[in-house]
N, C-alpha and C. Protein backbone atom coordinates (compact mmCIF):
# COMPACT_ATOMS: atom_id res chain seq x y z
N MET A 1 2.40 7.73 -14.48
CA MET A 1 3.81 8.06 -14.42
C MET A 1 4.56 6.84 -13.88
N ALA A 2 5.61 6.45 -14.58
CA ALA A 2 6.41 5.30 -14.16
C ALA A 2 7.50 5.77 -13.20
N LEU A 3 7.53 5.17 -12.03
CA LEU A 3 8.53 5.51 -11.03
C LEU A 3 9.44 4.32 -10.81
N ASP A 4 10.69 4.62 -10.49
CA ASP A 4 11.57 3.55 -10.04
C ASP A 4 10.96 3.03 -8.75
N PRO A 5 10.56 1.77 -8.70
CA PRO A 5 9.84 1.27 -7.54
C PRO A 5 10.61 1.34 -6.23
N LYS A 6 11.92 1.52 -6.30
CA LYS A 6 12.71 1.54 -5.06
C LYS A 6 13.25 2.93 -4.73
N LEU A 7 12.87 3.95 -5.49
CA LEU A 7 13.37 5.30 -5.28
C LEU A 7 12.43 6.05 -4.33
N VAL A 8 12.76 6.05 -3.06
CA VAL A 8 11.91 6.63 -2.03
C VAL A 8 11.57 8.10 -2.31
N PRO A 9 12.55 8.96 -2.64
CA PRO A 9 12.19 10.36 -2.89
C PRO A 9 11.18 10.55 -4.02
N ALA A 10 11.21 9.68 -5.01
CA ALA A 10 10.24 9.78 -6.11
C ALA A 10 8.83 9.52 -5.58
N HIS A 11 8.67 8.53 -4.73
CA HIS A 11 7.36 8.23 -4.16
C HIS A 11 6.91 9.35 -3.21
N GLU A 12 7.84 9.91 -2.45
CA GLU A 12 7.51 11.02 -1.57
C GLU A 12 7.01 12.22 -2.38
N LEU A 13 7.76 12.56 -3.41
CA LEU A 13 7.40 13.72 -4.24
C LEU A 13 6.09 13.49 -4.97
N TRP A 14 5.92 12.31 -5.57
CA TRP A 14 4.69 12.02 -6.29
C TRP A 14 3.49 12.01 -5.33
N GLY A 15 3.69 11.53 -4.12
CA GLY A 15 2.63 11.59 -3.12
C GLY A 15 2.25 13.02 -2.80
N SER A 16 3.24 13.90 -2.70
CA SER A 16 2.98 15.32 -2.44
C SER A 16 2.21 15.96 -3.59
N VAL A 17 2.61 15.63 -4.81
CA VAL A 17 1.93 16.17 -5.99
C VAL A 17 0.47 15.71 -6.02
N LEU A 18 0.26 14.42 -5.80
CA LEU A 18 -1.10 13.89 -5.81
C LEU A 18 -1.95 14.53 -4.71
N SER A 19 -1.36 14.75 -3.56
CA SER A 19 -2.07 15.40 -2.46
C SER A 19 -2.48 16.81 -2.87
N ALA A 20 -1.56 17.55 -3.47
CA ALA A 20 -1.85 18.92 -3.91
C ALA A 20 -2.95 18.96 -4.97
N LYS A 21 -3.04 17.89 -5.75
CA LYS A 21 -4.07 17.81 -6.80
C LYS A 21 -5.40 17.29 -6.25
N GLY A 22 -5.45 16.98 -4.96
CA GLY A 22 -6.68 16.51 -4.34
C GLY A 22 -6.90 15.01 -4.41
N ASP A 23 -5.89 14.27 -4.83
CA ASP A 23 -5.99 12.81 -4.93
C ASP A 23 -5.42 12.20 -3.65
N SER A 24 -6.23 12.22 -2.58
CA SER A 24 -5.70 11.73 -1.30
C SER A 24 -5.45 10.23 -1.32
N ALA A 25 -6.27 9.47 -2.05
CA ALA A 25 -6.05 8.02 -2.13
C ALA A 25 -4.72 7.72 -2.82
N GLY A 26 -4.45 8.40 -3.91
CA GLY A 26 -3.18 8.21 -4.62
C GLY A 26 -2.00 8.66 -3.78
N ALA A 27 -2.18 9.79 -3.07
CA ALA A 27 -1.11 10.30 -2.21
C ALA A 27 -0.80 9.30 -1.10
N LYS A 28 -1.85 8.77 -0.46
CA LYS A 28 -1.64 7.77 0.60
C LYS A 28 -0.90 6.55 0.05
N ARG A 29 -1.30 6.10 -1.14
CA ARG A 29 -0.66 4.93 -1.74
C ARG A 29 0.84 5.18 -1.93
N GLU A 30 1.19 6.31 -2.56
CA GLU A 30 2.60 6.60 -2.82
C GLU A 30 3.40 6.79 -1.54
N LEU A 31 2.83 7.48 -0.58
CA LEU A 31 3.55 7.72 0.67
C LEU A 31 3.71 6.43 1.48
N ASN A 32 2.72 5.57 1.42
CA ASN A 32 2.87 4.26 2.08
C ASN A 32 3.92 3.40 1.40
N ILE A 33 4.03 3.51 0.07
CA ILE A 33 5.11 2.81 -0.63
C ILE A 33 6.45 3.34 -0.15
N ALA A 34 6.58 4.67 -0.07
CA ALA A 34 7.83 5.27 0.41
C ALA A 34 8.17 4.75 1.81
N LEU A 35 7.16 4.67 2.67
CA LEU A 35 7.40 4.20 4.04
C LEU A 35 7.70 2.71 4.10
N SER A 36 7.16 1.95 3.17
CA SER A 36 7.50 0.52 3.15
C SER A 36 8.96 0.31 2.75
N LEU A 37 9.47 1.23 1.93
CA LEU A 37 10.87 1.16 1.50
C LEU A 37 11.82 1.76 2.53
N ASN A 38 11.35 2.80 3.22
CA ASN A 38 12.16 3.47 4.24
C ASN A 38 11.23 3.93 5.38
N PRO A 39 11.02 3.07 6.37
CA PRO A 39 10.12 3.41 7.48
C PRO A 39 10.56 4.62 8.29
N ASN A 40 11.80 5.06 8.12
CA ASN A 40 12.32 6.21 8.87
C ASN A 40 12.24 7.51 8.09
N SER A 41 11.58 7.52 6.95
CA SER A 41 11.50 8.73 6.14
C SER A 41 10.63 9.78 6.82
N GLY A 42 11.28 10.79 7.37
CA GLY A 42 10.54 11.87 8.01
C GLY A 42 9.64 12.60 7.05
N ARG A 43 10.12 12.79 5.83
CA ARG A 43 9.31 13.51 4.84
C ARG A 43 8.04 12.73 4.51
N ALA A 44 8.15 11.42 4.31
CA ALA A 44 6.97 10.62 4.00
C ALA A 44 5.99 10.62 5.18
N HIS A 45 6.51 10.54 6.40
CA HIS A 45 5.63 10.59 7.58
C HIS A 45 4.94 11.95 7.65
N TYR A 46 5.70 13.02 7.41
CA TYR A 46 5.11 14.37 7.45
C TYR A 46 4.01 14.51 6.39
N GLU A 47 4.33 14.15 5.15
CA GLU A 47 3.37 14.30 4.06
C GLU A 47 2.13 13.43 4.29
N LEU A 48 2.32 12.22 4.80
CA LEU A 48 1.18 11.36 5.09
C LEU A 48 0.35 11.96 6.22
N GLY A 49 1.00 12.56 7.19
CA GLY A 49 0.28 13.26 8.26
C GLY A 49 -0.59 14.37 7.71
N VAL A 50 -0.07 15.12 6.75
CA VAL A 50 -0.85 16.19 6.12
C VAL A 50 -2.08 15.62 5.43
N VAL A 51 -1.87 14.57 4.63
CA VAL A 51 -2.99 13.96 3.91
C VAL A 51 -4.05 13.45 4.89
N LEU A 52 -3.62 12.77 5.93
CA LEU A 52 -4.56 12.23 6.91
C LEU A 52 -5.30 13.35 7.65
N SER A 53 -4.58 14.40 7.98
CA SER A 53 -5.19 15.54 8.65
C SER A 53 -6.26 16.17 7.77
N GLN A 54 -5.95 16.35 6.50
CA GLN A 54 -6.91 16.95 5.57
C GLN A 54 -8.12 16.07 5.34
N SER A 55 -7.97 14.77 5.52
CA SER A 55 -9.10 13.86 5.32
C SER A 55 -9.86 13.58 6.62
N GLY A 56 -9.47 14.27 7.71
CA GLY A 56 -10.20 14.16 8.96
C GLY A 56 -9.70 13.10 9.92
N ASP A 57 -8.60 12.44 9.60
CA ASP A 57 -8.04 11.41 10.48
C ASP A 57 -6.97 12.02 11.37
N SER A 58 -7.41 12.77 12.38
CA SER A 58 -6.46 13.46 13.26
C SER A 58 -5.57 12.50 14.02
N ALA A 59 -6.12 11.39 14.49
CA ALA A 59 -5.32 10.42 15.24
C ALA A 59 -4.22 9.84 14.38
N GLY A 60 -4.54 9.47 13.15
CA GLY A 60 -3.53 8.95 12.23
C GLY A 60 -2.49 9.99 11.90
N ALA A 61 -2.95 11.23 11.70
CA ALA A 61 -2.03 12.33 11.38
C ALA A 61 -1.05 12.55 12.53
N ILE A 62 -1.56 12.58 13.75
CA ILE A 62 -0.70 12.80 14.92
C ILE A 62 0.36 11.71 15.01
N GLU A 63 -0.02 10.48 14.76
CA GLU A 63 0.93 9.37 14.80
C GLU A 63 2.10 9.62 13.84
N HIS A 64 1.80 10.06 12.64
CA HIS A 64 2.86 10.30 11.65
C HIS A 64 3.65 11.57 11.95
N PHE A 65 2.97 12.62 12.43
CA PHE A 65 3.69 13.84 12.79
C PHE A 65 4.65 13.61 13.96
N LYS A 66 4.28 12.75 14.90
CA LYS A 66 5.18 12.44 16.02
C LYS A 66 6.49 11.83 15.51
N ILE A 67 6.38 10.95 14.54
CA ILE A 67 7.59 10.33 13.97
C ILE A 67 8.39 11.37 13.21
N ALA A 68 7.71 12.18 12.39
CA ALA A 68 8.40 13.20 11.60
C ALA A 68 9.07 14.25 12.48
N ALA A 69 8.53 14.48 13.67
CA ALA A 69 9.09 15.50 14.57
C ALA A 69 10.50 15.17 15.02
N SER A 70 10.91 13.91 14.93
CA SER A 70 12.27 13.54 15.34
C SER A 70 13.23 13.46 14.15
N ASP A 71 12.78 13.88 12.97
CA ASP A 71 13.64 13.84 11.79
C ASP A 71 14.81 14.82 11.96
N PRO A 72 16.01 14.46 11.50
CA PRO A 72 17.15 15.37 11.63
C PRO A 72 17.04 16.63 10.76
N ASP A 73 16.22 16.60 9.73
CA ASP A 73 16.03 17.80 8.90
C ASP A 73 15.19 18.79 9.69
N PRO A 74 15.74 19.97 10.02
CA PRO A 74 15.00 20.91 10.85
C PRO A 74 13.71 21.42 10.21
N ASN A 75 13.63 21.45 8.90
CA ASN A 75 12.40 21.89 8.24
C ASN A 75 11.28 20.88 8.47
N ILE A 76 11.61 19.61 8.36
CA ILE A 76 10.61 18.56 8.57
C ILE A 76 10.19 18.52 10.04
N SER A 77 11.16 18.51 10.95
CA SER A 77 10.81 18.41 12.37
C SER A 77 10.04 19.64 12.84
N ALA A 78 10.41 20.83 12.37
CA ALA A 78 9.68 22.04 12.77
C ALA A 78 8.25 22.02 12.23
N GLY A 79 8.10 21.61 10.98
CA GLY A 79 6.76 21.53 10.39
C GLY A 79 5.90 20.52 11.12
N ALA A 80 6.48 19.38 11.46
CA ALA A 80 5.73 18.35 12.18
C ALA A 80 5.32 18.83 13.56
N ASN A 81 6.23 19.51 14.26
CA ASN A 81 5.89 20.02 15.58
C ASN A 81 4.79 21.07 15.51
N GLU A 82 4.81 21.91 14.49
CA GLU A 82 3.76 22.91 14.31
C GLU A 82 2.41 22.23 14.05
N MET A 83 2.41 21.21 13.21
CA MET A 83 1.17 20.49 12.93
C MET A 83 0.65 19.78 14.19
N LEU A 84 1.55 19.25 15.00
CA LEU A 84 1.13 18.63 16.26
C LEU A 84 0.47 19.66 17.17
N ARG A 85 1.05 20.85 17.26
CA ARG A 85 0.45 21.91 18.08
C ARG A 85 -0.96 22.24 17.58
N ARG A 86 -1.11 22.37 16.27
CA ARG A 86 -2.42 22.72 15.70
C ARG A 86 -3.45 21.63 15.95
N LEU A 87 -3.05 20.38 15.79
CA LEU A 87 -4.00 19.28 15.95
C LEU A 87 -4.38 19.03 17.41
N ARG A 88 -3.52 19.41 18.32
CA ARG A 88 -3.80 19.17 19.74
C ARG A 88 -4.59 20.30 20.39
N ARG A 89 -4.83 21.37 19.66
CA ARG A 89 -5.64 22.47 20.21
C ARG A 89 -7.08 22.01 20.37
N PRO A 90 -7.72 22.46 21.46
CA PRO A 90 -9.13 22.07 21.66
C PRO A 90 -10.07 22.74 20.67
């Protein structure tokens, strides 16, 4: 799929789709592209946190969820805070 290389939402969405299809490497690639274009993207940080969490990288996931937790979109920040609670449970 050809994406506008500078369209952050396209990379975020495609990363989410790839993650849902089980392509964690592709999802990480797209979400990292989104973050290289907009390091403050709460959605990209959240989605990358999900991918990392699912692949067993809890420390990496927590790092991204912490950033996403301060996003002004209440859906993103609430989701990130919930994931942080889950990952920090013993």
